[in-house]
PDB file of N, CA and C in Angstrom:
ATOM      1  N   MET A   1     -14.500-112.309-107.055  1.00  0.00           N
ATOM      2  CA  MET A   1     -15.656-113.219-106.774  1.00  0.00           C
ATOM      3  C   MET A   1     -16.658-112.427-107.543  1.00  0.00           C
ATOM      4  N   SER A   2     -17.093-110.907-107.354  1.00  0.00           N
ATOM      5  CA  SER A   2     -17.770-110.503-107.982  1.00  0.00           C
ATOM      6  C   SER A   2     -18.042-111.001-109.491  1.00  0.00           C
ATOM      7  N   THR A   3     -16.590-110.475-110.016  1.00  0.00           N
ATOM      8  CA  THR A   3     -15.978-110.604-111.368  1.00  0.00           C
ATOM      9  C   THR A   3     -17.178-111.903-112.314  1.00  0.00           C
ATOM     10  N   GLN A   4     -16.552-113.194-111.442  1.00  0.00           N
ATOM     11  CA  GLN A   4     -16.995-114.337-111.410  1.00  0.00           C
ATOM     12  C   GLN A   4     -18.416-114.209-111.845  1.00  0.00           C
ATOM     13  N   ALA A   5     -19.292-113.973-110.757  1.00  0.00           N
ATOM     14  CA  ALA A   5     -20.620-113.871-110.993  1.00  0.00           C
ATOM     15  C   ALA A   5     -21.213-113.426-111.844  1.00  0.00           C
ATOM     16  N   LYS A   6     -20.778-112.334-112.736  1.00  0.00           N
ATOM     17  CA  LYS A   6     -20.829-111.545-114.025  1.00  0.00           C
ATOM     18  C   LYS A   6     -20.860-112.353-115.047  1.00  0.00           C
ATOM     19  N   PHE A   7     -19.637-113.235-115.059  1.00  0.00           N
ATOM     20  CA  PHE A   7     -19.033-113.710-116.017  1.00  0.00           C
ATOM     21  C   PHE A   7     -19.913-115.009-115.824  1.00  0.00           C
ATOM     22  N   PHE A   8     -20.526-115.601-114.969  1.00  0.00           N
ATOM     23  CA  PHE A   8     -21.024-116.831-114.965  1.00  0.00           C
ATOM     24  C   PHE A   8     -22.630-116.496-115.317  1.00  0.00           C
ATOM     25  N   SER A   9     -22.647-114.865-115.348  1.00  0.00           N
ATOM     26  CA  SER A   9     -24.176-114.996-115.708  1.00  0.00           C
ATOM     27  C   SER A   9     -24.550-114.954-116.896  1.00  0.00           C
ATOM     28  N   ARG A  10     -24.056-115.305-117.923  1.00  0.00           N
ATOM     29  CA  ARG A  10     -23.774-115.329-119.352  1.00  0.00           C
ATOM     30  C   ARG A  10     -24.857-115.947-119.378  1.00  0.00           C
ATOM     31  N   LYS A  11     -25.814-116.030-120.343  1.00  0.00           N
ATOM     32  CA  LYS A  11     -27.082-116.962-120.893  1.00  0.00           C
ATOM     33  C   LYS A  11     -26.690-118.397-121.467  1.00  0.00           C
ATOM     34  N   SER A  12     -25.537-118.145-122.537  1.00  0.00           N
ATOM     35  CA  SER A  12     -25.363-119.234-123.767  1.00  0.00           C
ATOM     36  C   SER A  12     -24.022-119.940-123.444  1.00  0.00           C
ATOM     37  N   ALA A  13     -24.160-121.452-123.350  1.00  0.00           N
ATOM     38  CA  ALA A  13     -22.541-121.945-123.422  1.00  0.00           C
ATOM     39  C   ALA A  13     -21.361-121.725-123.732  1.00  0.00           C
ATOM     40  N   ALA A  14     -21.385-121.088-124.877  1.00  0.00           N
ATOM     41  CA  ALA A  14     -20.425-120.822-125.875  1.00  0.00           C
ATOM     42  C   ALA A  14     -20.373-119.500-125.974  1.00  0.00           C
ATOM     43  N   SER A  15     -21.476-118.498-125.191  1.00  0.00           N
ATOM     44  CA  SER A  15     -20.607-117.394-124.706  1.00  0.00           C
ATOM     45  C   SER A  15     -19.689-116.983-123.574  1.00  0.00           C
ATOM     46  N   ARG A  16     -20.420-117.923-122.617  1.00  0.00           N
ATOM     47  CA  ARG A  16     -19.817-118.389-121.400  1.00  0.00           C
ATOM     48  C   ARG A  16     -18.333-118.326-121.673  1.00  0.00           C
ATOM     49  N   SER A  17     -18.001-119.707-122.588  1.00  0.00           N
ATOM     50  CA  SER A  17     -16.985-120.574-122.805  1.00  0.00           C
ATOM     51  C   SER A  17     -16.130-119.261-123.213  1.00  0.00           C
ATOM     52  N   ALA A  18     -16.400-118.412-124.278  1.00  0.00           N
ATOM     53  CA  ALA A  18     -16.083-117.350-125.235  1.00  0.00           C
ATOM     54  C   ALA A  18     -15.248-116.733-124.242  1.00  0.00           C
ATOM     55  N   ARG A  19     -16.174-115.748-123.388  1.00  0.00           N
ATOM     56  CA  ARG A  19     -15.595-115.295-122.385  1.00  0.00           C
ATOM     57  C   ARG A  19     -14.555-115.243-121.168  1.00  0.00           C
ATOM     58  N   MET A  20     -14.787-116.377-120.866  1.00  0.00           N
ATOM     59  CA  MET A  20     -13.811-116.812-120.145  1.00  0.00           C
ATOM     60  C   MET A  20     -12.051-116.770-120.766  1.00  0.00           C
ATOM     61  N   VAL A  21     -12.460-117.206-122.118  1.00  0.00           N
ATOM     62  CA  VAL A  21     -10.745-117.518-123.000  1.00  0.00           C
ATOM     63  C   VAL A  21     -10.223-115.969-122.908  1.00  0.00           C
ATOM     64  N   GLU A  22     -11.643-115.513-123.196  1.00  0.00           N
ATOM     65  CA  GLU A  22     -11.483-113.503-123.992  1.00  0.00           C
ATOM     66  C   GLU A  22     -10.501-113.028-122.623  1.00  0.00           C
ATOM     67  N   ALA A  23     -11.100-113.366-121.457  1.00  0.00           N
ATOM     68  CA  ALA A  23     -10.768-113.254-120.169  1.00  0.00           C
ATOM     69  C   ALA A  23      -9.344-112.846-119.435  1.00  0.00           C
ATOM     70  N   ILE A  24      -9.229-114.218-120.060  1.00  0.00           N
ATOM     71  CA  ILE A  24      -7.766-115.011-119.691  1.00  0.00           C
ATOM     72  C   ILE A  24      -6.719-114.484-121.360  1.00  0.00           C
ATOM     73  N   SER A  25      -7.109-114.453-122.439  1.00  0.00           N
ATOM     74  CA  SER A  25      -6.215-113.573-123.535  1.00  0.00           C
ATOM     75  C   SER A  25      -6.025-111.829-122.784  1.00  0.00           C
ATOM     76  N   GLY A  26      -7.435-111.405-122.657  1.00  0.00           N
ATOM     77  CA  GLY A  26      -7.282-110.042-122.434  1.00  0.00           C
ATOM     78  C   GLY A  26      -7.557-109.406-123.355  1.00  0.00           C
ATOM     79  N   CYS A  27      -8.104-110.143-124.481  1.00  0.00           N
ATOM     80  CA  CYS A  27      -8.681-109.353-126.438  1.00  0.00           C
ATOM     81  C   CYS A  27      -9.923-109.808-126.447  1.00  0.00           C
ATOM     82  N   LYS A  28     -10.868-108.736-126.664  1.00  0.00           N
ATOM     83  CA  LYS A  28     -12.426-109.223-126.665  1.00  0.00           C
ATOM     84  C   LYS A  28     -12.114-109.403-127.932  1.00  0.00           C
ATOM     85  N   TRP A  29     -11.775-109.280-128.687  1.00  0.00           N
ATOM     86  CA  TRP A  29     -11.304-110.129-130.306  1.00  0.00           C
ATOM     87  C   TRP A  29     -11.140-111.163-130.478  1.00  0.00           C
ATOM     88  N   SER A  30     -10.363-111.290-129.890  1.00  0.00           N
ATOM     89  CA  SER A  30      -9.410-112.704-130.531  1.00  0.00           C
ATOM     90  C   SER A  30     -10.033-113.836-130.537  1.00  0.00           C
ATOM     91  N   LEU A  31     -11.216-114.176-130.056  1.00  0.00           N
ATOM     92  CA  LEU A  31     -11.980-115.543-130.491  1.00  0.00           C
ATOM     93  C   LEU A  31     -12.780-115.257-131.847  1.00  0.00           C
ATOM     94  N   THR A  32     -13.106-114.092-132.044  1.00  0.00           N
ATOM     95  CA  THR A  32     -13.929-113.458-133.324  1.00  0.00           C
ATOM     96  C   THR A  32     -12.733-113.726-134.581  1.00  0.00           C
ATOM     97  N   VAL A  33     -11.533-113.196-134.203  1.00  0.00           N
ATOM     98  CA  VAL A  33     -10.025-113.560-135.658  1.00  0.00           C
ATOM     99  C   VAL A  33     -10.162-114.341-135.555  1.00  0.00           C
ATOM    100  N   TYR A  34     -10.168-115.515-134.740  1.00  0.00           N
ATOM    101  CA  TYR A  34     -10.017-117.095-134.692  1.00  0.00           C
ATOM    102  C   TYR A  34     -10.813-117.453-135.897  1.00  0.00           C
ATOM    103  N   GLN A  35     -11.819-117.569-135.684  1.00  0.00           N
ATOM    104  CA  GLN A  35     -13.616-117.861-136.471  1.00  0.00           C
ATOM    105  C   GLN A  35     -13.237-117.539-137.401  1.00  0.00           C
ATOM    106  N   LEU A  36     -12.731-116.148-138.026  1.00  0.00           N
ATOM    107  CA  LEU A  36     -12.512-115.761-139.193  1.00  0.00           C
ATOM    108  C   LEU A  36     -11.405-116.070-139.841  1.00  0.00           C
ATOM    109  N   LEU A  37     -10.210-116.335-139.577  1.00  0.00           N
ATOM    110  CA  LEU A  37      -9.405-117.008-140.060  1.00  0.00           C
ATOM    111  C   LEU A  37      -9.344-118.458-140.680  1.00  0.00           C
ATOM    112  N   ALA A  38     -10.090-119.217-139.690  1.00  0.00           N
ATOM    113  CA  ALA A  38     -11.066-120.780-139.882  1.00  0.00           C
ATOM    114  C   ALA A  38     -11.801-120.433-140.939  1.00  0.00           C
ATOM    115  N   ALA A  39     -12.625-119.212-140.981  1.00  0.00           N
ATOM    116  CA  ALA A  39     -13.756-119.364-142.234  1.00  0.00           C
ATOM    117  C   ALA A  39     -13.274-118.631-143.799  1.00  0.00           C
ATOM    118  N   GLY A  40     -11.305-118.286-143.501  1.00  0.00           N
ATOM    119  CA  GLY A  40     -11.038-118.298-144.794  1.00  0.00           C
ATOM    120  C   GLY A  40     -10.324-116.503-144.899  1.00  0.00           C
ATOM    121  N   ILE A  41     -11.677-115.759-144.075  1.00  0.00           N
ATOM    122  CA  ILE A  41     -11.153-114.575-143.610  1.00  0.00           C
ATOM    123  C   ILE A  41      -9.783-113.838-143.534  1.00  0.00           C
ATOM    124  N   ASN A  42      -8.885-113.488-144.185  1.00  0.00           N
ATOM    125  CA  ASN A  42      -7.641-113.594-143.727  1.00  0.00           C
ATOM    126  C   ASN A  42      -7.434-112.080-143.507  1.00  0.00           C
ATOM    127  N   ARG A  43      -7.643-111.182-144.438  1.00  0.00           N
ATOM    128  CA  ARG A  43      -7.330-109.675-144.562  1.00  0.00           C
ATOM    129  C   ARG A  43      -7.820-108.514-143.854  1.00  0.00           C
ATOM    130  N   PRO A  44      -6.869-108.042-143.043  1.00  0.00           N
ATOM    131  CA  PRO A  44      -7.886-106.842-141.947  1.00  0.00           C
ATOM    132  C   PRO A  44      -8.696-105.957-142.784  1.00  0.00           C
ATOM    133  N   GLY A  45      -8.910-105.793-143.614  1.00  0.00           N
ATOM    134  CA  GLY A  45     -10.459-105.204-144.414  1.00  0.00           C
ATOM    135  C   GLY A  45     -11.308-105.940-144.041  1.00  0.00           C
ATOM    136  N   ALA A  46     -11.214-106.682-144.851  1.00  0.00           N
ATOM    137  CA  ALA A  46     -12.655-108.031-145.176  1.00  0.00           C
ATOM    138  C   ALA A  46     -12.672-108.640-143.451  1.00  0.00           C
ATOM    139  N   MET A  47     -11.764-108.313-142.135  1.00  0.00           N
ATOM    140  CA  MET A  47     -12.416-109.016-141.371  1.00  0.00           C
ATOM    141  C   MET A  47     -13.019-107.803-140.244  1.00  0.00           C
ATOM    142  N   VAL A  48     -12.785-106.580-140.498  1.00  0.00           N
ATOM    143  CA  VAL A  48     -13.469-105.236-139.961  1.00  0.00           C
ATOM    144  C   VAL A  48     -14.737-105.254-140.866  1.00  0.00           C
ATOM    145  N   ARG A  49     -14.954-105.592-141.796  1.00  0.00           N
ATOM    146  CA  ARG A  49     -16.319-105.263-143.156  1.00  0.00           C
ATOM    147  C   ARG A  49     -16.986-106.059-142.157  1.00  0.00           C
ATOM    148  N   SER A  50     -16.615-107.740-142.173  1.00  0.00           N
ATOM    149  CA  SER A  50     -17.140-108.864-141.536  1.00  0.00           C
ATOM    150  C   SER A  50     -18.001-108.878-140.080  1.00  0.00           C
ATOM    151  N   VAL A  51     -17.443-108.112-139.110  1.00  0.00           N
ATOM    152  CA  VAL A  51     -17.509-107.845-137.971  1.00  0.00           C
ATOM    153  C   VAL A  51     -18.245-106.682-137.324  1.00  0.00           C
ATOM    154  N   GLU A  52     -19.281-106.350-136.788  1.00  0.00           N
ATOM    155  CA  GLU A  52     -20.209-105.176-136.372  1.00  0.00           C
ATOM    156  C   GLU A  52     -19.325-104.663-135.151  1.00  0.00           C
ATOM    157  N   GLY A  53     -18.810-103.384-135.498  1.00  0.00           N
ATOM    158  CA  GLY A  53     -18.203-103.117-133.818  1.00  0.00           C
ATOM    159  C   GLY A  53     -16.537-103.365-134.013  1.00  0.00           C
ATOM    160  N   LEU A  54     -15.927-103.867-134.942  1.00  0.00           N
ATOM    161  CA  LEU A  54     -15.019-104.339-134.440  1.00  0.00           C
ATOM    162  C   LEU A  54     -14.192-102.875-135.846  1.00  0.00           C
ATOM    163  N   SER A  55     -13.423-102.194-135.175  1.00  0.00           N
ATOM    164  CA  SER A  55     -12.160-101.034-135.638  1.00  0.00           C
ATOM    165  C   SER A  55     -10.859-101.533-136.092  1.00  0.00           C
ATOM    166  N   THR A  56     -10.766-100.853-136.868  1.00  0.00           N
ATOM    167  CA  THR A  56      -9.709-101.493-137.452  1.00  0.00           C
ATOM    168  C   THR A  56      -8.287-100.825-136.860  1.00  0.00           C
ATOM    169  N   LYS A  57      -8.374-100.002-135.717  1.00  0.00           N
ATOM    170  CA  LYS A  57      -7.627 -99.770-134.942  1.00  0.00           C
ATOM    171  C   LYS A  57      -7.649-100.914-133.792  1.00  0.00           C
ATOM    172  N   VAL A  58      -8.894-101.039-133.235  1.00  0.00           N
ATOM    173  CA  VAL A  58      -8.950-102.644-132.187  1.00  0.00           C
ATOM    174  C   VAL A  58      -8.214-103.609-132.902  1.00  0.00           C
ATOM    175  N   LEU A  59      -8.229-104.465-134.074  1.00  0.00           N
ATOM    176  CA  LEU A  59      -8.340-105.476-135.060  1.00  0.00           C
ATOM    177  C   LEU A  59      -6.299-105.244-134.680  1.00  0.00           C
ATOM    178  N   ASN A  60      -5.866-104.350-135.028  1.00  0.00           N
ATOM    179  CA  ASN A  60      -5.058-104.189-135.735  1.00  0.00           C
ATOM    180  C   ASN A  60      -3.880-104.659-134.396  1.00  0.00           C
ATOM    181  N   GLU A  61      -4.276-103.951-133.342  1.00  0.00           N
ATOM    182  CA  GLU A  61      -4.056-104.265-131.727  1.00  0.00           C
ATOM    183  C   GLU A  61      -3.934-105.665-131.663  1.00  0.00           C
ATOM    184  N   CYS A  62      -5.351-106.120-131.633  1.00  0.00           N
ATOM    185  CA  CYS A  62      -5.504-107.786-131.848  1.00  0.00           C
ATOM    186  C   CYS A  62      -4.518-108.370-132.440  1.00  0.00           C
ATOM    187  N   LEU A  63      -4.232-108.056-133.529  1.00  0.00           N
ATOM    188  CA  LEU A  63      -3.414-109.018-134.226  1.00  0.00           C
ATOM    189  C   LEU A  63      -2.318-109.017-133.955  1.00  0.00           C
ATOM    190  N   ARG A  64      -1.590-107.921-133.628  1.00  0.00           N
ATOM    191  CA  ARG A  64       0.084-107.860-132.962  1.00  0.00           C
ATOM    192  C   ARG A  64       0.050-108.416-131.908  1.00  0.00           C
ATOM    193  N   LYS A  65      -1.056-108.684-130.741  1.00  0.00           N
ATOM    194  CA  LYS A  65      -0.881-109.627-129.444  1.00  0.00           C
ATOM    195  C   LYS A  65      -1.079-110.748-129.722  1.00  0.00           C
ATOM    196  N   ASN A  66      -1.712-111.339-130.953  1.00  0.00           N
ATOM    197  CA  ASN A  66      -1.695-112.888-131.184  1.00  0.00           C
ATOM    198  C   ASN A  66      -0.437-113.113-131.862  1.00  0.00           C
ATOM    199  N   GLN A  67      -0.445-112.228-132.695  1.00  0.00           N
ATOM    200  CA  GLN A  67       1.153-112.642-133.625  1.00  0.00           C
ATOM    201  C   GLN A  67       2.414-112.770-132.668  1.00  0.00           C
ATOM    202  N   ARG A  68       2.436-112.169-131.160  1.00  0.00           N
ATOM    203  CA  ARG A  68       3.294-111.931-130.383  1.00  0.00           C
ATOM    204  C   ARG A  68       3.273-113.612-129.833  1.00  0.00           C
ATOM    205  N   PHE A  69       1.993-113.537-129.414  1.00  0.00           N
ATOM    206  CA  PHE A  69       1.932-114.656-128.897  1.00  0.00           C
ATOM    207  C   PHE A  69       1.748-115.957-129.684  1.00  0.00           C
ATOM    208  N   GLY A  70       2.093-116.006-131.119  1.00  0.00           N
ATOM    209  CA  GLY A  70       2.530-117.000-131.833  1.00  0.00           C
ATOM    210  C   GLY A  70       1.341-117.771-132.624  1.00  0.00           C
ATOM    211  N   ILE A  71       0.514-117.075-132.443  1.00  0.00           N
ATOM    212  CA  ILE A  71      -1.138-117.948-132.384  1.00  0.00           C
ATOM    213  C   ILE A  71      -1.590-117.255-133.936  1.00  0.00           C
ATOM    214  N   ILE A  72      -0.968-116.300-134.235  1.00  0.00           N
ATOM    215  CA  ILE A  72      -0.976-115.647-135.849  1.00  0.00           C
ATOM    216  C   ILE A  72       0.323-115.795-136.619  1.00  0.00           C
ATOM    217  N   GLU A  73       0.023-115.763-137.889  1.00  0.00           N
ATOM    218  CA  GLU A  73       1.270-115.093-138.663  1.00  0.00           C
ATOM    219  C   GLU A  73       0.708-114.035-139.464  1.00  0.00           C
ATOM    220  N   ARG A  74       1.380-113.006-139.647  1.00  0.00           N
ATOM    221  CA  ARG A  74       1.463-111.888-141.045  1.00  0.00           C
ATOM    222  C   ARG A  74       1.695-112.608-142.058  1.00  0.00           C
ATOM    223  N   ILE A  75       1.226-112.240-143.166  1.00  0.00           N
ATOM    224  CA  ILE A  75       1.998-112.552-144.299  1.00  0.00           C
ATOM    225  C   ILE A  75       1.987-111.188-145.026  1.00  0.00           C
ATOM    226  N   ALA A  76       3.085-110.319-145.643  1.00  0.00           N
ATOM    227  CA  ALA A  76       3.303-109.150-146.107  1.00  0.00           C
ATOM    228  C   ALA A  76       3.444-109.873-147.543  1.00  0.00           C
ATOM    229  N   TYR A  77       2.416-109.538-148.800  1.00  0.00           N
ATOM    230  CA  TYR A  77       3.062-109.513-149.857  1.00  0.00           C
ATOM    231  C   TYR A  77       3.538-108.321-151.134  1.00  0.00           C
ATOM    232  N   HIS A  78       4.598-108.532-150.995  1.00  0.00           N
ATOM    233  CA  HIS A  78       5.391-107.215-151.936  1.00  0.00           C
ATOM    234  C   HIS A  78       4.600-106.678-153.374  1.00  0.00           C
ATOM    235  N   GLU A  79       3.240-106.119-153.420  1.00  0.00           N
ATOM    236  CA  GLU A  79       2.697-105.894-154.202  1.00  0.00           C
ATOM    237  C   GLU A  79       2.388-104.790-154.162  1.00  0.00           C
ATOM    238  N   THR A  80       2.082-104.016-156.049  1.00  0.00           N
ATOM    239  CA  THR A  80       0.969-102.658-155.922  1.00  0.00           C
ATOM    240  C   THR A  80      -0.123-103.049-155.833  1.00  0.00           C
ATOM    241  N   PRO A  81      -1.174-102.416-155.083  1.00  0.00           N
ATOM    242  CA  PRO A  81      -1.144-101.610-153.750  1.00  0.00           C
ATOM    243  C   PRO A  81      -0.794-103.054-152.633  1.00  0.00           C
ATOM    244  N   PRO A  82      -0.015-102.580-151.763  1.00  0.00           N
ATOM    245  CA  PRO A  82       0.526-103.807-150.947  1.00  0.00           C
ATOM    246  C   PRO A  82      -0.738-104.665-150.133  1.00  0.00           C
ATOM    247  N   ARG A  83      -0.476-106.097-150.122  1.00  0.00           N
ATOM    248  CA  ARG A  83      -1.259-106.723-149.290  1.00  0.00           C
ATOM    249  C   ARG A  83      -0.842-107.489-148.413  1.00  0.00           C
ATOM    250  N   VAL A  84      -1.672-107.515-146.996  1.00  0.00           N
ATOM    251  CA  VAL A  84      -1.135-108.073-146.065  1.00  0.00           C
ATOM    252  C   VAL A  84      -2.491-109.278-145.794  1.00  0.00           C
ATOM    253  N   GLU A  85      -2.169-110.411-145.178  1.00  0.00           N
ATOM    254  CA  GLU A  85      -2.996-111.073-144.850  1.00  0.00           C
ATOM    255  C   GLU A  85      -2.705-112.366-143.608  1.00  0.00           C
ATOM    256  N   TYR A  86      -3.323-112.977-142.793  1.00  0.00           N
ATOM    257  CA  TYR A  86      -2.596-112.919-141.608  1.00  0.00           C
ATOM    258  C   TYR A  86      -3.843-114.854-141.773  1.00  0.00           C
ATOM    259  N   VAL A  87      -2.916-115.868-140.863  1.00  0.00           N
ATOM    260  CA  VAL A  87      -3.232-116.911-140.926  1.00  0.00           C
ATOM    261  C   VAL A  87      -3.194-117.910-139.616  1.00  0.00           C
ATOM    262  N   LEU A  88      -3.493-118.679-139.124  1.00  0.00           N
ATOM    263  CA  LEU A  88      -3.345-119.303-138.072  1.00  0.00           C
ATOM    264  C   LEU A  88      -2.123-120.031-138.040  1.00  0.00           C
ATOM    265  N   THR A  89      -0.851-119.804-137.050  1.00  0.00           N
ATOM    266  CA  THR A  89       0.130-120.548-137.238  1.00  0.00           C
ATOM    267  C   THR A  89      -0.214-122.566-136.548  1.00  0.00           C
ATOM    268  N   PRO A  90       0.393-123.243-136.245  1.00  0.00           N
ATOM    269  CA  PRO A  90       0.233-124.614-136.199  1.00  0.00           C
ATOM    270  C   PRO A  90       0.054-124.701-134.988  1.00  0.00           C
ATOM    271  N   PHE A  91       0.645-123.283-133.992  1.00  0.00           N
ATOM    272  CA  PHE A  91       0.358-123.622-132.663  1.00  0.00           C
ATOM    273  C   PHE A  91      -1.206-122.955-132.558  1.00  0.00           C
ATOM    274  N   GLY A  92      -1.550-121.880-133.433  1.00  0.00           N
ATOM    275  CA  GLY A  92      -2.808-121.127-133.149  1.00  0.00           C
ATOM    276  C   GLY A  92      -4.182-122.473-133.736  1.00  0.00           C
ATOM    277  N   ALA A  93      -3.285-123.301-134.550  1.00  0.00           N
ATOM    278  CA  ALA A  93      -4.583-124.071-134.797  1.00  0.00           C
ATOM    279  C   ALA A  93      -4.656-124.890-133.681  1.00  0.00           C
ATOM    280  N   LYS A  94      -3.869-125.412-132.790  1.00  0.00           N
ATOM    281  CA  LYS A  94      -4.301-126.051-131.435  1.00  0.00           C
ATOM    282  C   LYS A  94      -5.356-125.485-130.591  1.00  0.00           C
ATOM    283  N   VAL A  95      -4.347-123.940-130.500  1.00  0.00           N
ATOM    284  CA  VAL A  95      -5.615-123.072-129.693  1.00  0.00           C
ATOM    285  C   VAL A  95      -6.920-123.464-130.083  1.00  0.00           C
ATOM    286  N   VAL A  96      -7.187-123.229-131.202  1.00  0.00           N
ATOM    287  CA  VAL A  96      -8.590-123.115-131.845  1.00  0.00           C
ATOM    288  C   VAL A  96      -9.356-124.640-131.619  1.00  0.00           C
ATOM    289  N   ARG A  97      -8.435-125.582-131.623  1.00  0.00           N
ATOM    290  CA  ARG A  97      -9.039-127.026-131.736  1.00  0.00           C
ATOM    291  C   ARG A  97      -9.399-126.912-130.113  1.00  0.00           C
ATOM    292  N   ILE A  98      -8.472-126.592-129.002  1.00  0.00           N
ATOM    293  CA  ILE A  98      -8.805-126.506-127.157  1.00  0.00           C
ATOM    294  C   ILE A  98      -9.990-125.518-127.261  1.00  0.00           C
ATOM    295  N   VAL A  99     -10.030-124.840-127.928  1.00  0.00           N
ATOM    296  CA  VAL A  99     -11.231-123.485-127.419  1.00  0.00           C
ATOM    297  C   VAL A  99     -12.253-124.506-128.172  1.00  0.00           C
ATOM    298  N   ASP A 100     -12.944-124.634-129.142  1.00  0.00           N
ATOM    299  CA  ASP A 100     -13.705-125.528-129.778  1.00  0.00           C
ATOM    300  C   ASP A 100     -13.717-126.629-128.704  1.00  0.00           C
ATOM    301  N   GLU A 101     -13.154-127.793-128.418  1.00  0.00           N
ATOM    302  CA  GLU A 101     -13.320-128.819-126.967  1.00  0.00           C
ATOM    303  C   GLU A 101     -13.649-127.953-125.646  1.00  0.00           C
ATOM    304  N   LEU A 102     -13.424-126.670-125.530  1.00  0.00           N
ATOM    305  CA  LEU A 102     -13.773-126.079-124.198  1.00  0.00           C
ATOM    306  C   LEU A 102     -14.878-125.490-124.460  1.00  0.00           C
ATOM    307  N   GLN A 103     -15.706-125.482-125.337  1.00  0.00           N
ATOM    308  CA  GLN A 103     -17.097-125.060-125.949  1.00  0.00           C
ATOM    309  C   GLN A 103     -17.687-126.199-125.659  1.00  0.00           C
ATOM    310  N   LYS A 104     -17.450-127.460-126.367  1.00  0.00           N
ATOM    311  CA  LYS A 104     -18.432-128.411-126.244  1.00  0.00           C
ATOM    312  C   LYS A 104     -18.013-128.962-124.679  1.00  0.00           C
ATOM    313  N   LEU A 105     -16.917-129.014-123.847  1.00  0.00           N
ATOM    314  CA  LEU A 105     -16.890-129.546-122.555  1.00  0.00           C
ATOM    315  C   LEU A 105     -18.630-128.602-121.700  1.00  0.00           C
ATOM    316  N   HIS A 106     -18.183-126.977-122.300  1.00  0.00           N
ATOM    317  CA  HIS A 106     -19.257-126.337-121.566  1.00  0.00           C
ATOM    318  C   HIS A 106     -20.612-126.883-121.785  1.00  0.00           C
ATOM    319  N   GLY A 107     -20.947-126.980-123.097  1.00  0.00           N
ATOM    320  CA  GLY A 107     -22.255-127.511-123.431  1.00  0.00           C
ATOM    321  C   GLY A 107     -22.608-128.801-122.440  1.00  0.00           C
ATOM    322  N   GLU A 108     -22.007-129.603-122.634  1.00  0.00           N
ATOM    323  CA  GLU A 108     -22.060-131.082-121.717  1.00  0.00           C
ATOM    324  C   GLU A 108     -22.328-130.713-119.881  1.00  0.00           C
ATOM    325  N   ILE A 109     -21.731-129.831-119.897  1.00  0.00           N
ATOM    326  CA  ILE A 109     -21.909-129.342-118.176  1.00  0.00           C
ATOM    327  C   ILE A 109     -23.096-128.159-117.696  1.00  0.00           C
ATOM    328  N   ALA A 110     -23.677-127.531-118.900  1.00  0.00           N
ATOM    329  CA  ALA A 110     -24.688-126.657-119.279  1.00  0.00           C
ATOM    330  C   ALA A 110     -25.918-127.866-119.515  1.00  0.00           C
ATOM    331  N   SER A 111     -25.427-129.015-119.999  1.00  0.00           N
ATOM    332  CA  SER A 111     -27.020-129.713-120.296  1.00  0.00           C
ATOM    333  C   SER A 111     -27.641-130.388-119.496  1.00  0.00           C
ATOM    334  N   ARG A 112     -26.565-130.501-117.928  1.00  0.00           N
ATOM    335  CA  ARG A 112     -26.625-131.613-117.014  1.00  0.00           C
ATOM    336  C   ARG A 112     -27.875-131.052-116.088  1.00  0.00           C
TER     337      ARG A 112
END
């Protein structure tokens, strides 16, 4: 119960919703990765450069985890130098829509 008290002490509605989903997924950076992918930032190096505090090691763990869940897909291009990109799967797009709806719902609840 003390975890919930800490969880719900966040100030912004979007932040609380994001923290709830992150706690469920167990990956602090998953929602950030979804936002980056939705914004068209799909290469790991660009992701790391776009987010302060995100390391390559942690990003790779997060990407692998979300791949296993079927939320994102890894596309490897056989080029020199090698190029890898990540995209949301159709299932991942649904997850993002659900997260967006949860944020809207939380905003409605917080404004009461």
